[in-house]
N, C-alpha and C. Protein backbone atom coordinates (compact mmCIF):
# COMPACT_ATOMS: atom_id res chain seq x y z
N MET A 1 28.06 35.05 -30.15
CA MET A 1 28.71 33.75 -30.17
C MET A 1 30.20 33.89 -30.42
N GLU A 2 30.94 32.99 -29.88
CA GLU A 2 32.39 32.99 -30.04
C GLU A 2 32.79 32.43 -31.42
N THR A 3 33.79 33.04 -32.02
CA THR A 3 34.33 32.55 -33.29
C THR A 3 35.45 31.56 -33.00
N LYS A 4 35.43 30.41 -33.67
CA LYS A 4 36.47 29.41 -33.52
C LYS A 4 37.03 29.08 -34.89
N THR A 5 38.28 28.64 -34.93
CA THR A 5 38.88 28.19 -36.17
C THR A 5 39.25 26.72 -36.04
N TYR A 6 39.10 26.00 -37.14
CA TYR A 6 39.36 24.56 -37.17
C TYR A 6 40.20 24.21 -38.38
N ILE A 7 40.86 23.07 -38.31
CA ILE A 7 41.56 22.47 -39.44
C ILE A 7 40.92 21.10 -39.67
N VAL A 8 40.64 20.79 -40.94
CA VAL A 8 40.10 19.48 -41.29
C VAL A 8 41.27 18.49 -41.27
N ASP A 9 41.28 17.63 -40.28
CA ASP A 9 42.37 16.65 -40.14
C ASP A 9 42.19 15.45 -41.06
N ARG A 10 40.98 14.93 -41.10
CA ARG A 10 40.74 13.69 -41.85
C ARG A 10 39.30 13.67 -42.33
N ILE A 11 39.12 13.18 -43.54
CA ILE A 11 37.78 12.97 -44.07
C ILE A 11 37.57 11.47 -44.14
N ASP A 12 36.47 11.04 -43.54
CA ASP A 12 36.15 9.62 -43.44
C ASP A 12 34.74 9.41 -43.98
N GLY A 13 34.63 9.24 -45.31
CA GLY A 13 33.32 9.06 -45.94
C GLY A 13 32.51 10.35 -45.88
N ASP A 14 31.36 10.28 -45.24
CA ASP A 14 30.47 11.44 -45.13
C ASP A 14 30.74 12.27 -43.89
N TYR A 15 31.83 11.99 -43.20
CA TYR A 15 32.16 12.70 -41.96
C TYR A 15 33.58 13.24 -42.02
N ALA A 16 33.84 14.25 -41.19
CA ALA A 16 35.17 14.84 -41.12
C ALA A 16 35.57 15.02 -39.66
N TRP A 17 36.87 14.90 -39.41
CA TRP A 17 37.44 15.15 -38.09
C TRP A 17 38.08 16.53 -38.12
N LEU A 18 37.66 17.40 -37.19
CA LEU A 18 38.17 18.75 -37.11
C LEU A 18 38.94 18.95 -35.81
N THR A 19 40.03 19.73 -35.90
CA THR A 19 40.79 20.10 -34.71
C THR A 19 40.69 21.61 -34.55
N CYS A 20 40.33 22.04 -33.35
CA CYS A 20 40.20 23.46 -33.06
C CYS A 20 41.59 24.07 -32.89
N THR A 21 41.85 25.18 -33.58
CA THR A 21 43.14 25.85 -33.47
C THR A 21 43.07 27.05 -32.54
N SER A 22 41.87 27.49 -32.19
CA SER A 22 41.73 28.67 -31.34
C SER A 22 41.71 28.34 -29.85
N ARG A 23 41.52 27.09 -29.48
CA ARG A 23 41.60 26.66 -28.10
C ARG A 23 41.91 25.16 -28.04
N GLN A 24 42.28 24.73 -26.86
CA GLN A 24 42.62 23.31 -26.64
C GLN A 24 41.34 22.51 -26.44
N GLU A 25 40.97 21.70 -27.43
CA GLU A 25 39.77 20.88 -27.36
C GLU A 25 40.05 19.52 -27.99
N GLU A 26 39.19 18.58 -27.71
CA GLU A 26 39.27 17.27 -28.34
C GLU A 26 38.88 17.40 -29.81
N PRO A 27 39.37 16.51 -30.69
CA PRO A 27 38.95 16.54 -32.10
C PRO A 27 37.43 16.43 -32.21
N TYR A 28 36.89 17.08 -33.20
CA TYR A 28 35.45 17.23 -33.38
C TYR A 28 35.03 16.44 -34.62
N PHE A 29 34.04 15.58 -34.50
CA PHE A 29 33.53 14.70 -35.56
C PHE A 29 32.24 15.30 -36.08
N ILE A 30 32.17 15.62 -37.39
CA ILE A 30 31.00 16.32 -37.92
C ILE A 30 30.65 15.81 -39.32
N ALA A 31 29.38 15.88 -39.67
CA ALA A 31 28.92 15.48 -41.01
C ALA A 31 29.47 16.47 -42.04
N ARG A 32 29.97 15.96 -43.16
CA ARG A 32 30.52 16.81 -44.21
C ARG A 32 29.47 17.72 -44.82
N ALA A 33 28.20 17.34 -44.74
CA ALA A 33 27.12 18.17 -45.29
C ALA A 33 27.05 19.53 -44.61
N LEU A 34 27.59 19.65 -43.39
CA LEU A 34 27.58 20.92 -42.66
C LEU A 34 28.77 21.81 -42.99
N LEU A 35 29.72 21.27 -43.76
CA LEU A 35 30.93 22.01 -44.13
C LEU A 35 30.78 22.58 -45.55
N PRO A 36 31.57 23.61 -45.88
CA PRO A 36 31.55 24.11 -47.26
C PRO A 36 31.95 23.00 -48.24
N MET A 37 31.38 23.04 -49.43
CA MET A 37 31.65 22.01 -50.45
C MET A 37 33.13 21.89 -50.77
N GLU A 38 33.88 22.99 -50.73
CA GLU A 38 35.29 23.01 -51.10
C GLU A 38 36.22 22.48 -50.00
N ALA A 39 35.69 22.24 -48.82
CA ALA A 39 36.52 21.79 -47.69
C ALA A 39 37.12 20.43 -47.98
N ASP A 40 38.42 20.31 -47.71
CA ASP A 40 39.16 19.07 -47.93
C ASP A 40 40.15 18.92 -46.78
N GLU A 41 40.84 17.80 -46.72
CA GLU A 41 41.83 17.60 -45.66
C GLU A 41 42.87 18.72 -45.70
N GLY A 42 43.14 19.31 -44.54
CA GLY A 42 44.09 20.41 -44.45
C GLY A 42 43.44 21.78 -44.56
N SER A 43 42.17 21.86 -44.91
CA SER A 43 41.48 23.15 -45.04
C SER A 43 41.31 23.79 -43.67
N ARG A 44 41.38 25.13 -43.67
CA ARG A 44 41.12 25.90 -42.44
C ARG A 44 39.71 26.44 -42.53
N LEU A 45 38.97 26.31 -41.42
CA LEU A 45 37.57 26.74 -41.37
C LEU A 45 37.34 27.70 -40.21
N LYS A 46 36.43 28.62 -40.41
CA LYS A 46 35.98 29.52 -39.34
C LYS A 46 34.55 29.12 -39.00
N PHE A 47 34.27 28.97 -37.71
CA PHE A 47 32.92 28.65 -37.24
C PHE A 47 32.37 29.86 -36.50
N GLU A 48 31.31 30.44 -37.06
CA GLU A 48 30.72 31.64 -36.47
C GLU A 48 29.23 31.64 -36.83
N ASN A 49 28.40 32.02 -35.88
CA ASN A 49 26.94 32.06 -36.09
C ASN A 49 26.39 30.73 -36.62
N LEU A 50 26.88 29.64 -36.05
CA LEU A 50 26.45 28.28 -36.39
C LEU A 50 26.71 27.89 -37.84
N GLN A 51 27.71 28.52 -38.49
CA GLN A 51 28.07 28.18 -39.87
C GLN A 51 29.58 28.08 -40.00
N PHE A 52 30.00 27.17 -40.87
CA PHE A 52 31.42 27.03 -41.19
C PHE A 52 31.71 27.80 -42.47
N GLU A 53 32.87 28.48 -42.48
CA GLU A 53 33.30 29.24 -43.65
C GLU A 53 34.76 28.89 -43.93
N LEU A 54 35.08 28.68 -45.19
CA LEU A 54 36.45 28.34 -45.59
C LEU A 54 37.32 29.57 -45.50
N LEU A 55 38.51 29.44 -44.89
CA LEU A 55 39.44 30.56 -44.79
C LEU A 55 40.49 30.47 -45.88
């Protein structure tokens, strides 16, 4: 699987908006339960093997 990096742009309740930094894509809307507990607005994340990891 391809590794992608994201930035948490905005947190909206139980959901977060992510922007991919490794390629040009539309913002990604995802449930916060799938992100690391420490993730906050401005956090950088790595997505690999169907899991998000805080960078």
